[in-house]
Amino acid sequence: MNDVELSPEVHRRLGIELFNKTWGLMDKTDRTPTEEATMLEFVHSSAYHWSFAGTVVNQQRSYWIISRVYAVLGIPEASLLFAKLCRECTESGLSEMEDFDIAFSFEALARAYALNGELKKTAEMFRSAFDAGKLIKDEEDRKIFSESLHSGVLAQFG
């Protein structure tokens, strides 16, 4: 392993860049298996870099997107693991979270529980996500959240 230390600024830049690359691959509808593996590498690498340069909010968002990637790839157990970490991080850093971070933490749990076939917990987390989503002040953020909440495996719950 290389002992070269990176500055917080470099970690931050890499965290952002890898997050955005993950998002680009996640939005792609015709990913190859190689692109799916790359998406996993990007999302975990982004979280790694944020661990050196970010805040509790960056950590929470890292857990959220990792959970979402595993959901997109149809890997329910990993999706649930990171959704739970996202929610724990949200609760522990609640005063630093944006309103949409809170809503998305419930959305991650709802999606992961749905993938795991736990419909009672899915419905409970969907309701919590829906209620938290109504509290998002910014109209554009609220719209983005609502579209996410009503997509994929969660579309049937709305």
Protein backbone atom coordinates (compact mmCIF):
# COMPACT_ATOMS: atom_id res chain seq x y z
CA MET A 1 0.00 0.00 0.00
CA ASN A 2 1.18 3.47 -0.85
CA ASP A 3 1.98 5.70 2.15
CA VAL A 4 1.32 8.93 0.24
CA GLU A 5 -1.01 11.15 2.21
CA LEU A 6 -3.59 13.18 0.35
CA SER A 7 -4.78 16.58 1.49
CA PRO A 8 -8.36 17.02 2.66
CA GLU A 9 -8.98 19.09 -0.48
CA VAL A 10 -7.87 16.21 -2.72
CA HIS A 11 -10.00 13.73 -0.74
CA ARG A 12 -12.98 16.10 -1.07
CA ARG A 13 -12.48 16.52 -4.82
CA LEU A 14 -12.19 12.75 -5.32
CA GLY A 15 -15.23 12.13 -3.11
CA ILE A 16 -17.33 14.49 -5.24
CA GLU A 17 -15.99 13.21 -8.57
CA LEU A 18 -16.53 9.55 -7.69
CA PHE A 19 -20.01 10.27 -6.28
CA ASN A 20 -20.97 11.98 -9.55
CA LYS A 21 -19.51 9.14 -11.64
CA THR A 22 -21.51 6.68 -9.52
CA TRP A 23 -24.66 8.66 -10.16
CA GLY A 24 -23.97 8.68 -13.90
CA LEU A 25 -23.65 4.91 -13.97
CA MET A 26 -26.67 4.45 -11.72
CA ASP A 27 -28.83 6.44 -14.17
CA LYS A 28 -27.64 4.36 -17.12
CA THR A 29 -30.26 1.82 -18.13
CA ASP A 30 -28.03 -0.52 -20.13
CA ARG A 31 -25.02 -1.06 -17.85
CA THR A 32 -22.63 -3.85 -18.63
CA PRO A 33 -21.40 -6.15 -15.84
CA THR A 34 -18.08 -4.30 -15.99
CA GLU A 35 -19.86 -0.97 -15.54
CA GLU A 36 -21.78 -2.40 -12.59
CA ALA A 37 -18.51 -3.47 -10.96
CA THR A 38 -17.05 -0.04 -11.71
CA MET A 39 -20.09 1.61 -10.12
CA LEU A 40 -19.47 -0.37 -6.93
CA GLU A 41 -15.81 0.62 -6.96
CA PHE A 42 -16.71 4.28 -7.50
CA VAL A 43 -19.34 4.40 -4.75
CA HIS A 44 -17.14 2.77 -2.13
CA SER A 45 -14.14 4.87 -3.16
CA SER A 46 -16.22 8.04 -2.87
CA ALA A 47 -17.23 7.08 0.67
CA TYR A 48 -13.60 6.32 1.50
CA HIS A 49 -12.46 9.77 0.38
CA TRP A 50 -15.33 11.50 2.21
CA SER A 51 -14.24 9.72 5.39
CA PHE A 52 -11.10 11.88 5.30
CA ALA A 53 -12.60 15.18 4.19
CA GLY A 54 -16.26 15.18 5.00
CA THR A 55 -18.73 15.70 7.77
CA VAL A 56 -21.41 13.47 9.26
CA VAL A 57 -23.64 14.69 6.41
CA ASN A 58 -21.19 13.43 3.80
CA GLN A 59 -20.97 10.11 5.62
CA GLN A 60 -24.77 9.83 5.72
CA ARG A 61 -25.06 10.62 2.01
CA SER A 62 -22.31 8.10 1.26
CA TYR A 63 -24.23 5.38 3.08
CA TRP A 64 -27.40 6.41 1.25
CA ILE A 65 -25.89 6.19 -2.23
CA ILE A 66 -24.15 2.90 -1.42
CA SER A 67 -27.50 1.48 -0.31
CA ARG A 68 -29.10 2.78 -3.51
CA VAL A 69 -26.41 1.25 -5.71
CA TYR A 70 -26.91 -2.14 -4.09
CA ALA A 71 -30.67 -1.72 -4.55
CA VAL A 72 -30.20 -0.88 -8.24
CA LEU A 73 -28.00 -3.96 -8.60
CA GLY A 74 -30.56 -6.13 -6.81
CA ILE A 75 -28.35 -7.02 -3.84
CA PRO A 76 -30.87 -6.72 -0.99
CA GLU A 77 -28.77 -7.64 2.04
CA ALA A 78 -26.06 -5.09 1.26
CA SER A 79 -28.68 -2.46 0.43
CA LEU A 80 -30.28 -2.98 3.84
CA LEU A 81 -26.96 -2.90 5.67
CA PHE A 82 -26.07 0.50 4.23
CA ALA A 83 -29.63 1.83 4.59
CA LYS A 84 -29.45 1.04 8.30
CA LEU A 85 -26.05 2.76 8.53
CA CYS A 86 -27.53 5.77 6.71
CA ARG A 87 -30.41 5.98 9.18
CA GLU A 88 -28.11 5.57 12.20
CA CYS A 89 -25.86 8.31 10.86
CA THR A 90 -28.90 10.53 10.27
CA GLU A 91 -30.07 10.07 13.84
CA SER A 92 -26.64 10.66 15.34
CA GLY A 93 -26.08 13.83 13.30
CA LEU A 94 -29.68 15.02 13.14
CA SER A 95 -28.87 18.65 13.90
CA GLU A 96 -26.56 18.80 10.87
CA MET A 97 -28.88 17.09 8.38
CA GLU A 98 -30.91 18.85 5.73
CA ASP A 99 -34.63 18.09 5.62
CA PHE A 100 -34.14 15.97 2.49
CA ASP A 101 -31.38 13.92 4.16
CA ILE A 102 -33.87 12.84 6.80
CA ALA A 103 -36.48 11.89 4.21
CA PHE A 104 -33.96 10.01 2.06
CA SER A 105 -32.74 8.01 5.06
CA PHE A 106 -36.25 6.58 5.45
CA GLU A 107 -36.52 6.09 1.67
CA ALA A 108 -33.34 3.99 1.72
CA LEU A 109 -34.78 1.76 4.42
CA ALA A 110 -38.11 1.41 2.62
CA ARG A 111 -36.37 0.44 -0.62
CA ALA A 112 -34.03 -2.02 1.08
CA TYR A 113 -36.81 -3.64 3.11
CA ALA A 114 -38.87 -3.99 -0.10
CA LEU A 115 -35.97 -5.74 -1.83
CA ASN A 116 -35.64 -8.04 1.16
CA GLY A 117 -39.36 -8.92 1.03
CA GLU A 118 -40.12 -7.34 4.42
CA LEU A 119 -43.38 -5.70 3.41
CA LYS A 120 -44.55 -4.58 6.87
CA LYS A 121 -41.26 -2.75 7.49
CA THR A 122 -41.36 -1.42 3.91
CA ALA A 123 -44.79 0.11 4.48
CA GLU A 124 -43.69 1.58 7.81
CA MET A 125 -40.54 3.16 6.35
CA PHE A 126 -42.41 4.30 3.23
CA ARG A 127 -44.89 6.15 5.47
CA SER A 128 -42.03 7.69 7.48
CA ALA A 129 -40.31 8.72 4.24
CA PHE A 130 -43.54 10.15 2.83
CA ASP A 131 -44.19 12.15 6.01
CA ALA A 132 -40.59 13.42 6.15
CA GLY A 133 -40.80 14.30 2.45
CA LYS A 134 -43.77 16.61 3.11
CA LEU A 135 -41.47 18.60 5.43
CA ILE A 136 -38.89 19.33 2.71
CA LYS A 137 -39.06 23.10 2.32
CA ASP A 138 -37.45 23.55 -1.09
CA GLU A 139 -39.93 22.72 -3.84
CA GLU A 140 -37.31 21.27 -6.22
CA ASP A 141 -35.79 19.09 -3.46
CA ARG A 142 -39.30 17.92 -2.53
CA LYS A 143 -40.03 17.02 -6.17
CA ILE A 144 -36.75 15.09 -6.55
CA PHE A 145 -37.47 13.22 -3.34
CA SER A 146 -41.03 12.37 -4.34
CA GLU A 147 -39.91 11.03 -7.72
CA SER A 148 -37.31 8.87 -5.99
CA LEU A 149 -39.77 7.62 -3.37
CA HIS A 150 -42.22 6.54 -6.05
CA SER A 151 -39.69 4.76 -8.28
CA GLY A 152 -38.43 1.23 -8.66
CA VAL A 153 -39.62 -1.31 -6.10
CA LEU A 154 -41.33 1.49 -4.12
CA ALA A 155 -43.63 2.54 -6.98
CA GLN A 156 -46.24 0.04 -5.80
CA PHE A 157 -46.41 1.58 -2.32
CA GLY A 158 -47.35 5.10 -3.40
